[in-house]
Amino acid sequence: MKKDKYLIIAFDSTSHALDLEDKAKNKMQGRLIPLPREIEAGCGLCFASLELDQEKWLGFLKDEHVQYAYMKEVIF
């Protein structure tokens, strides 16, 4: 089975996760998924993207005023 590398953006609250989902629509690649077991964050949801450019994501999150806990590259 082929595994892919994703950039995971984790959140402390579900409302922050939903905020990113709404703001990223038609602008950034990715979707909300249940948080993988190996990652710990407050709300149980994360945004997974094949777009691995963390600087691009940091700029987007800052420009859109999206709160997040952390981001990390994972393979699954």
PDB file of N, CA and C in Angstrom:
ATOM      1  N   MET A   1       0.842  -1.174   0.000  1.00  0.00           N
ATOM      2  CA  MET A   1       0.000   0.000   0.000  1.00  0.00           C
ATOM      3  C   MET A   1       0.894   1.246   0.000  1.00  0.00           C
ATOM      4  N   LYS A   2       0.627   2.138  -0.923  1.00  0.00           N
ATOM      5  CA  LYS A   2       1.395   3.383  -1.030  1.00  0.00           C
ATOM      6  C   LYS A   2       0.935   4.366   0.042  1.00  0.00           C
ATOM      7  N   LYS A   3       1.912   4.919   0.742  1.00  0.00           N
ATOM      8  CA  LYS A   3       1.601   5.930   1.749  1.00  0.00           C
ATOM      9  C   LYS A   3       2.033   7.287   1.222  1.00  0.00           C
ATOM     10  N   ASP A   4       1.275   8.314   1.578  1.00  0.00           N
ATOM     11  CA  ASP A   4       1.563   9.678   1.141  1.00  0.00           C
ATOM     12  C   ASP A   4       1.973  10.534   2.327  1.00  0.00           C
ATOM     13  N   LYS A   5       2.722  11.582   2.033  1.00  0.00           N
ATOM     14  CA  LYS A   5       3.108  12.556   3.055  1.00  0.00           C
ATOM     15  C   LYS A   5       2.077  13.683   3.049  1.00  0.00           C
ATOM     16  N   TYR A   6       1.613  14.038   4.230  1.00  0.00           N
ATOM     17  CA  TYR A   6       0.626  15.102   4.402  1.00  0.00           C
ATOM     18  C   TYR A   6       1.148  16.138   5.382  1.00  0.00           C
ATOM     19  N   LEU A   7       0.704  17.348   5.207  1.00  0.00           N
ATOM     20  CA  LEU A   7       0.900  18.374   6.216  1.00  0.00           C
ATOM     21  C   LEU A   7      -0.372  18.380   7.057  1.00  0.00           C
ATOM     22  N   ILE A   8      -0.215  18.148   8.340  1.00  0.00           N
ATOM     23  CA  ILE A   8      -1.342  18.101   9.264  1.00  0.00           C
ATOM     24  C   ILE A   8      -1.359  19.399  10.067  1.00  0.00           C
ATOM     25  N   ILE A   9      -2.509  20.034  10.100  1.00  0.00           N
ATOM     26  CA  ILE A   9      -2.697  21.229  10.920  1.00  0.00           C
ATOM     27  C   ILE A   9      -3.687  20.848  12.014  1.00  0.00           C
ATOM     28  N   ALA A  10      -3.223  20.890  13.257  1.00  0.00           N
ATOM     29  CA  ALA A  10      -4.036  20.471  14.397  1.00  0.00           C
ATOM     30  C   ALA A  10      -4.590  21.697  15.125  1.00  0.00           C
ATOM     31  N   PHE A  11      -5.672  21.477  15.853  1.00  0.00           N
ATOM     32  CA  PHE A  11      -6.401  22.574  16.492  1.00  0.00           C
ATOM     33  C   PHE A  11      -6.719  22.254  17.946  1.00  0.00           C
ATOM     34  N   ASP A  12      -6.901  23.303  18.732  1.00  0.00           N
ATOM     35  CA  ASP A  12      -7.329  23.143  20.118  1.00  0.00           C
ATOM     36  C   ASP A  12      -8.849  23.097  20.246  1.00  0.00           C
ATOM     37  N   SER A  13      -9.558  23.544  19.212  1.00  0.00           N
ATOM     38  CA  SER A  13     -11.023  23.520  19.278  1.00  0.00           C
ATOM     39  C   SER A  13     -11.615  23.196  17.906  1.00  0.00           C
ATOM     40  N   THR A  14     -12.776  22.590  17.936  1.00  0.00           N
ATOM     41  CA  THR A  14     -13.481  22.241  16.705  1.00  0.00           C
ATOM     42  C   THR A  14     -13.841  23.484  15.908  1.00  0.00           C
ATOM     43  N   SER A  15     -14.172  24.570  16.586  1.00  0.00           N
ATOM     44  CA  SER A  15     -14.543  25.792  15.858  1.00  0.00           C
ATOM     45  C   SER A  15     -13.367  26.320  15.037  1.00  0.00           C
ATOM     46  N   HIS A  16     -12.140  26.179  15.532  1.00  0.00           N
ATOM     47  CA  HIS A  16     -10.969  26.604  14.756  1.00  0.00           C
ATOM     48  C   HIS A  16     -10.783  25.709  13.532  1.00  0.00           C
ATOM     49  N   ALA A  17     -11.019  24.411  13.693  1.00  0.00           N
ATOM     50  CA  ALA A  17     -10.914  23.478  12.567  1.00  0.00           C
ATOM     51  C   ALA A  17     -11.944  23.821  11.492  1.00  0.00           C
ATOM     52  N   LEU A  18     -13.169  24.071  11.909  1.00  0.00           N
ATOM     53  CA  LEU A  18     -14.226  24.412  10.955  1.00  0.00           C
ATOM     54  C   LEU A  18     -13.964  25.758  10.290  1.00  0.00           C
ATOM     55  N   ASP A  19     -13.349  26.676  11.028  1.00  0.00           N
ATOM     56  CA  ASP A  19     -12.988  27.981  10.469  1.00  0.00           C
ATOM     57  C   ASP A  19     -12.002  27.799   9.312  1.00  0.00           C
ATOM     58  N   LEU A  20     -10.982  26.960   9.509  1.00  0.00           N
ATOM     59  CA  LEU A  20     -10.024  26.728   8.424  1.00  0.00           C
ATOM     60  C   LEU A  20     -10.694  26.035   7.248  1.00  0.00           C
ATOM     61  N   GLU A  21     -11.535  25.049   7.520  1.00  0.00           N
ATOM     62  CA  GLU A  21     -12.221  24.354   6.431  1.00  0.00           C
ATOM     63  C   GLU A  21     -12.990  25.350   5.566  1.00  0.00           C
ATOM     64  N   ASP A  22     -13.691  26.273   6.203  1.00  0.00           N
ATOM     65  CA  ASP A  22     -14.476  27.270   5.474  1.00  0.00           C
ATOM     66  C   ASP A  22     -13.581  28.229   4.687  1.00  0.00           C
ATOM     67  N   LYS A  23     -12.518  28.721   5.310  1.00  0.00           N
ATOM     68  CA  LYS A  23     -11.657  29.715   4.663  1.00  0.00           C
ATOM     69  C   LYS A  23     -10.760  29.114   3.586  1.00  0.00           C
ATOM     70  N   ALA A  24     -10.431  27.832   3.706  1.00  0.00           N
ATOM     71  CA  ALA A  24      -9.548  27.188   2.728  1.00  0.00           C
ATOM     72  C   ALA A  24     -10.295  26.738   1.475  1.00  0.00           C
ATOM     73  N   LYS A  25     -11.607  26.658   1.562  1.00  0.00           N
ATOM     74  CA  LYS A  25     -12.412  26.197   0.430  1.00  0.00           C
ATOM     75  C   LYS A  25     -12.079  27.009  -0.818  1.00  0.00           C
ATOM     76  N   ASN A  26     -11.744  26.342  -1.888  1.00  0.00           N
ATOM     77  CA  ASN A  26     -11.403  26.941  -3.187  1.00  0.00           C
ATOM     78  C   ASN A  26     -10.122  27.778  -3.163  1.00  0.00           C
ATOM     79  N   LYS A  27      -9.368  27.753  -2.057  1.00  0.00           N
ATOM     80  CA  LYS A  27      -8.125  28.521  -1.980  1.00  0.00           C
ATOM     81  C   LYS A  27      -6.911  27.635  -1.716  1.00  0.00           C
ATOM     82  N   MET A  28      -7.086  26.635  -0.850  1.00  0.00           N
ATOM     83  CA  MET A  28      -5.985  25.762  -0.458  1.00  0.00           C
ATOM     84  C   MET A  28      -6.457  24.314  -0.537  1.00  0.00           C
ATOM     85  N   GLN A  29      -5.537  23.442  -0.859  1.00  0.00           N
ATOM     86  CA  GLN A  29      -5.856  22.027  -0.998  1.00  0.00           C
ATOM     87  C   GLN A  29      -5.873  21.350   0.368  1.00  0.00           C
ATOM     88  N   GLY A  30      -6.892  20.531   0.622  1.00  0.00           N
ATOM     89  CA  GLY A  30      -6.936  19.754   1.851  1.00  0.00           C
ATOM     90  C   GLY A  30      -8.353  19.566   2.348  1.00  0.00           C
ATOM     91  N   ARG A  31      -8.451  18.834   3.471  1.00  0.00           N
ATOM     92  CA  ARG A  31      -9.768  18.580   4.062  1.00  0.00           C
ATOM     93  C   ARG A  31      -9.612  18.210   5.528  1.00  0.00           C
ATOM     94  N   LEU A  32     -10.705  18.332   6.260  1.00  0.00           N
ATOM     95  CA  LEU A  32     -10.717  17.920   7.656  1.00  0.00           C
ATOM     96  C   LEU A  32     -10.796  16.408   7.742  1.00  0.00           C
ATOM     97  N   ILE A  33     -10.025  15.843   8.668  1.00  0.00           N
ATOM     98  CA  ILE A  33     -10.056  14.406   8.926  1.00  0.00           C
ATOM     99  C   ILE A  33      -9.971  14.194  10.435  1.00  0.00           C
ATOM    100  N   PRO A  34     -10.356  12.989  10.899  1.00  0.00           N
ATOM    101  CA  PRO A  34     -10.116  12.685  12.315  1.00  0.00           C
ATOM    102  C   PRO A  34      -8.614  12.691  12.586  1.00  0.00           C
ATOM    103  N   LEU A  35      -8.236  13.147  13.737  1.00  0.00           N
ATOM    104  CA  LEU A  35      -6.829  13.238  14.106  1.00  0.00           C
ATOM    105  C   LEU A  35      -6.211  11.843  14.163  1.00  0.00           C
ATOM    106  N   PRO A  36      -5.103  11.611  13.452  1.00  0.00           N
ATOM    107  CA  PRO A  36      -4.429  10.303  13.539  1.00  0.00           C
ATOM    108  C   PRO A  36      -4.001  10.014  14.980  1.00  0.00           C
ATOM    109  N   ARG A  37      -3.968   8.739  15.340  1.00  0.00           N
ATOM    110  CA  ARG A  37      -3.646   8.331  16.714  1.00  0.00           C
ATOM    111  C   ARG A  37      -2.309   8.858  17.206  1.00  0.00           C
ATOM    112  N   GLU A  38      -1.332   8.937  16.295  1.00  0.00           N
ATOM    113  CA  GLU A  38       0.011   9.329  16.717  1.00  0.00           C
ATOM    114  C   GLU A  38       0.161  10.831  16.976  1.00  0.00           C
ATOM    115  N   ILE A  39      -0.894  11.591  16.766  1.00  0.00           N
ATOM    116  CA  ILE A  39      -0.855  13.042  16.977  1.00  0.00           C
ATOM    117  C   ILE A  39      -1.831  13.406  18.087  1.00  0.00           C
ATOM    118  N   GLU A  40      -1.402  14.288  18.961  1.00  0.00           N
ATOM    119  CA  GLU A  40      -2.271  14.729  20.052  1.00  0.00           C
ATOM    120  C   GLU A  40      -2.626  16.203  19.888  1.00  0.00           C
ATOM    121  N   ALA A  41      -3.900  16.496  19.975  1.00  0.00           N
ATOM    122  CA  ALA A  41      -4.389  17.879  19.959  1.00  0.00           C
ATOM    123  C   ALA A  41      -5.740  17.886  20.660  1.00  0.00           C
ATOM    124  N   GLY A  42      -6.236  19.057  20.946  1.00  0.00           N
ATOM    125  CA  GLY A  42      -7.415  19.195  21.771  1.00  0.00           C
ATOM    126  C   GLY A  42      -8.735  18.730  21.210  1.00  0.00           C
ATOM    127  N   CYS A  43      -8.975  18.876  19.909  1.00  0.00           N
ATOM    128  CA  CYS A  43     -10.348  18.697  19.439  1.00  0.00           C
ATOM    129  C   CYS A  43     -10.618  17.393  18.696  1.00  0.00           C
ATOM    130  N   GLY A  44      -9.611  16.644  18.312  1.00  0.00           N
ATOM    131  CA  GLY A  44      -9.845  15.390  17.606  1.00  0.00           C
ATOM    132  C   GLY A  44      -9.972  15.530  16.100  1.00  0.00           C
ATOM    133  N   LEU A  45      -9.877  16.756  15.578  1.00  0.00           N
ATOM    134  CA  LEU A  45      -9.905  16.991  14.136  1.00  0.00           C
ATOM    135  C   LEU A  45      -8.607  17.649  13.702  1.00  0.00           C
ATOM    136  N   CYS A  46      -8.250  17.415  12.452  1.00  0.00           N
ATOM    137  CA  CYS A  46      -7.103  18.118  11.877  1.00  0.00           C
ATOM    138  C   CYS A  46      -7.390  18.358  10.402  1.00  0.00           C
ATOM    139  N   PHE A  47      -6.654  19.268   9.823  1.00  0.00           N
ATOM    140  CA  PHE A  47      -6.751  19.563   8.398  1.00  0.00           C
ATOM    141  C   PHE A  47      -5.552  18.896   7.751  1.00  0.00           C
ATOM    142  N   ALA A  48      -5.796  18.028   6.774  1.00  0.00           N
ATOM    143  CA  ALA A  48      -4.725  17.304   6.092  1.00  0.00           C
ATOM    144  C   ALA A  48      -4.597  17.825   4.668  1.00  0.00           C
ATOM    145  N   SER A  49      -3.362  18.111   4.265  1.00  0.00           N
ATOM    146  CA  SER A  49      -3.123  18.645   2.929  1.00  0.00           C
ATOM    147  C   SER A  49      -1.899  17.991   2.308  1.00  0.00           C
ATOM    148  N   LEU A  50      -1.986  17.726   1.014  1.00  0.00           N
ATOM    149  CA  LEU A  50      -0.821  17.259   0.267  1.00  0.00           C
ATOM    150  C   LEU A  50       0.097  18.422  -0.084  1.00  0.00           C
ATOM    151  N   GLU A  51      -0.376  19.655   0.106  1.00  0.00           N
ATOM    152  CA  GLU A  51       0.445  20.859  -0.087  1.00  0.00           C
ATOM    153  C   GLU A  51       1.365  20.968   1.125  1.00  0.00           C
ATOM    154  N   LEU A  52       2.652  20.655   0.939  1.00  0.00           N
ATOM    155  CA  LEU A  52       3.593  20.557   2.053  1.00  0.00           C
ATOM    156  C   LEU A  52       4.358  21.841   2.342  1.00  0.00           C
ATOM    157  N   ASP A  53       4.118  22.894   1.598  1.00  0.00           N
ATOM    158  CA  ASP A  53       4.839  24.152   1.763  1.00  0.00           C
ATOM    159  C   ASP A  53       4.361  24.856   3.040  1.00  0.00           C
ATOM    160  N   GLN A  54       5.108  24.657   4.128  1.00  0.00           N
ATOM    161  CA  GLN A  54       4.689  25.219   5.410  1.00  0.00           C
ATOM    162  C   GLN A  54       4.669  26.740   5.401  1.00  0.00           C
ATOM    163  N   GLU A  55       5.585  27.368   4.683  1.00  0.00           N
ATOM    164  CA  GLU A  55       5.591  28.838   4.611  1.00  0.00           C
ATOM    165  C   GLU A  55       4.312  29.355   3.948  1.00  0.00           C
ATOM    166  N   LYS A  56       3.873  28.674   2.906  1.00  0.00           N
ATOM    167  CA  LYS A  56       2.626  29.046   2.227  1.00  0.00           C
ATOM    168  C   LYS A  56       1.447  28.923   3.196  1.00  0.00           C
ATOM    169  N   TRP A  57       1.417  27.817   3.944  1.00  0.00           N
ATOM    170  CA  TRP A  57       0.344  27.617   4.908  1.00  0.00           C
ATOM    171  C   TRP A  57       0.399  28.643   6.035  1.00  0.00           C
ATOM    172  N   LEU A  58       1.591  28.914   6.538  1.00  0.00           N
ATOM    173  CA  LEU A  58       1.716  29.905   7.613  1.00  0.00           C
ATOM    174  C   LEU A  58       1.203  31.270   7.165  1.00  0.00           C
ATOM    175  N   GLY A  59       1.525  31.656   5.937  1.00  0.00           N
ATOM    176  CA  GLY A  59       1.026  32.914   5.396  1.00  0.00           C
ATOM    177  C   GLY A  59      -0.483  32.920   5.281  1.00  0.00           C
ATOM    178  N   PHE A  60      -1.047  31.821   4.788  1.00  0.00           N
ATOM    179  CA  PHE A  60      -2.500  31.718   4.651  1.00  0.00           C
ATOM    180  C   PHE A  60      -3.182  31.789   6.017  1.00  0.00           C
ATOM    181  N   LEU A  61      -2.682  31.020   6.978  1.00  0.00           N
ATOM    182  CA  LEU A  61      -3.281  31.012   8.315  1.00  0.00           C
ATOM    183  C   LEU A  61      -3.225  32.397   8.960  1.00  0.00           C
ATOM    184  N   LYS A  62      -2.107  33.084   8.776  1.00  0.00           N
ATOM    185  CA  LYS A  62      -1.964  34.432   9.335  1.00  0.00           C
ATOM    186  C   LYS A  62      -2.903  35.413   8.638  1.00  0.00           C
ATOM    187  N   ASP A  63      -2.910  35.389   7.303  1.00  0.00           N
ATOM    188  CA  ASP A  63      -3.757  36.313   6.538  1.00  0.00           C
ATOM    189  C   ASP A  63      -5.240  36.114   6.828  1.00  0.00           C
ATOM    190  N   GLU A  64      -5.640  34.855   7.047  1.00  0.00           N
ATOM    191  CA  GLU A  64      -7.053  34.539   7.284  1.00  0.00           C
ATOM    192  C   GLU A  64      -7.416  34.528   8.771  1.00  0.00           C
ATOM    193  N   HIS A  65      -6.444  34.817   9.630  1.00  0.00           N
ATOM    194  CA  HIS A  65      -6.667  34.873  11.084  1.00  0.00           C
ATOM    195  C   HIS A  65      -7.229  33.557  11.627  1.00  0.00           C
ATOM    196  N   VAL A  66      -6.618  32.451  11.205  1.00  0.00           N
ATOM    197  CA  VAL A  66      -7.034  31.124  11.660  1.00  0.00           C
ATOM    198  C   VAL A  66      -6.129  30.698  12.818  1.00  0.00           C
ATOM    199  N   GLN A  67      -6.745  30.313  13.916  1.00  0.00           N
ATOM    200  CA  GLN A  67      -5.986  29.827  15.070  1.00  0.00           C
ATOM    201  C   GLN A  67      -5.765  28.324  14.932  1.00  0.00           C
ATOM    202  N   TYR A  68      -4.549  27.880  15.223  1.00  0.00           N
ATOM    203  CA  TYR A  68      -4.228  26.455  15.155  1.00  0.00           C
ATOM    204  C   TYR A  68      -3.237  26.125  16.265  1.00  0.00           C
ATOM    205  N   ALA A  69      -3.138  24.847  16.607  1.00  0.00           N
ATOM    206  CA  ALA A  69      -2.221  24.421  17.664  1.00  0.00           C
ATOM    207  C   ALA A  69      -0.816  24.219  17.106  1.00  0.00           C
ATOM    208  N   TYR A  70      -0.703  23.448  16.032  1.00  0.00           N
ATOM    209  CA  TYR A  70       0.596  23.224  15.393  1.00  0.00           C
ATOM    210  C   TYR A  70       0.397  22.553  14.046  1.00  0.00           C
ATOM    211  N   MET A  71       1.467  22.502  13.269  1.00  0.00           N
ATOM    212  CA  MET A  71       1.438  21.758  12.013  1.00  0.00           C
ATOM    213  C   MET A  71       2.640  20.830  11.975  1.00  0.00           C
ATOM    214  N   LYS A  72       2.447  19.714  11.272  1.00  0.00           N
ATOM    215  CA  LYS A  72       3.466  18.671  11.262  1.00  0.00           C
ATOM    216  C   LYS A  72       3.302  17.836  10.001  1.00  0.00           C
ATOM    217  N   GLU A  73       4.415  17.407   9.411  1.00  0.00           N
ATOM    218  CA  GLU A  73       4.353  16.486   8.278  1.00  0.00           C
ATOM    219  C   GLU A  73       4.270  15.067   8.809  1.00  0.00           C
ATOM    220  N   VAL A  74       3.341  14.299   8.251  1.00  0.00           N
ATOM    221  CA  VAL A  74       3.185  12.895   8.635  1.00  0.00           C
ATOM    222  C   VAL A  74       3.003  12.054   7.382  1.00  0.00           C
ATOM    223  N   ILE A  75       3.283  10.775   7.515  1.00  0.00           N
ATOM    224  CA  ILE A  75       3.078   9.828   6.417  1.00  0.00           C
ATOM    225  C   ILE A  75       2.031   8.824   6.869  1.00  0.00           C
ATOM    226  N   PHE A  76       0.984   8.688   6.060  1.00  0.00           N
ATOM    227  CA  PHE A  76      -0.027   7.651   6.314  1.00  0.00           C
ATOM    228  C   PHE A  76      -0.814   7.373   5.072  1.00  0.00           C
TER     229      PHE A  76
END
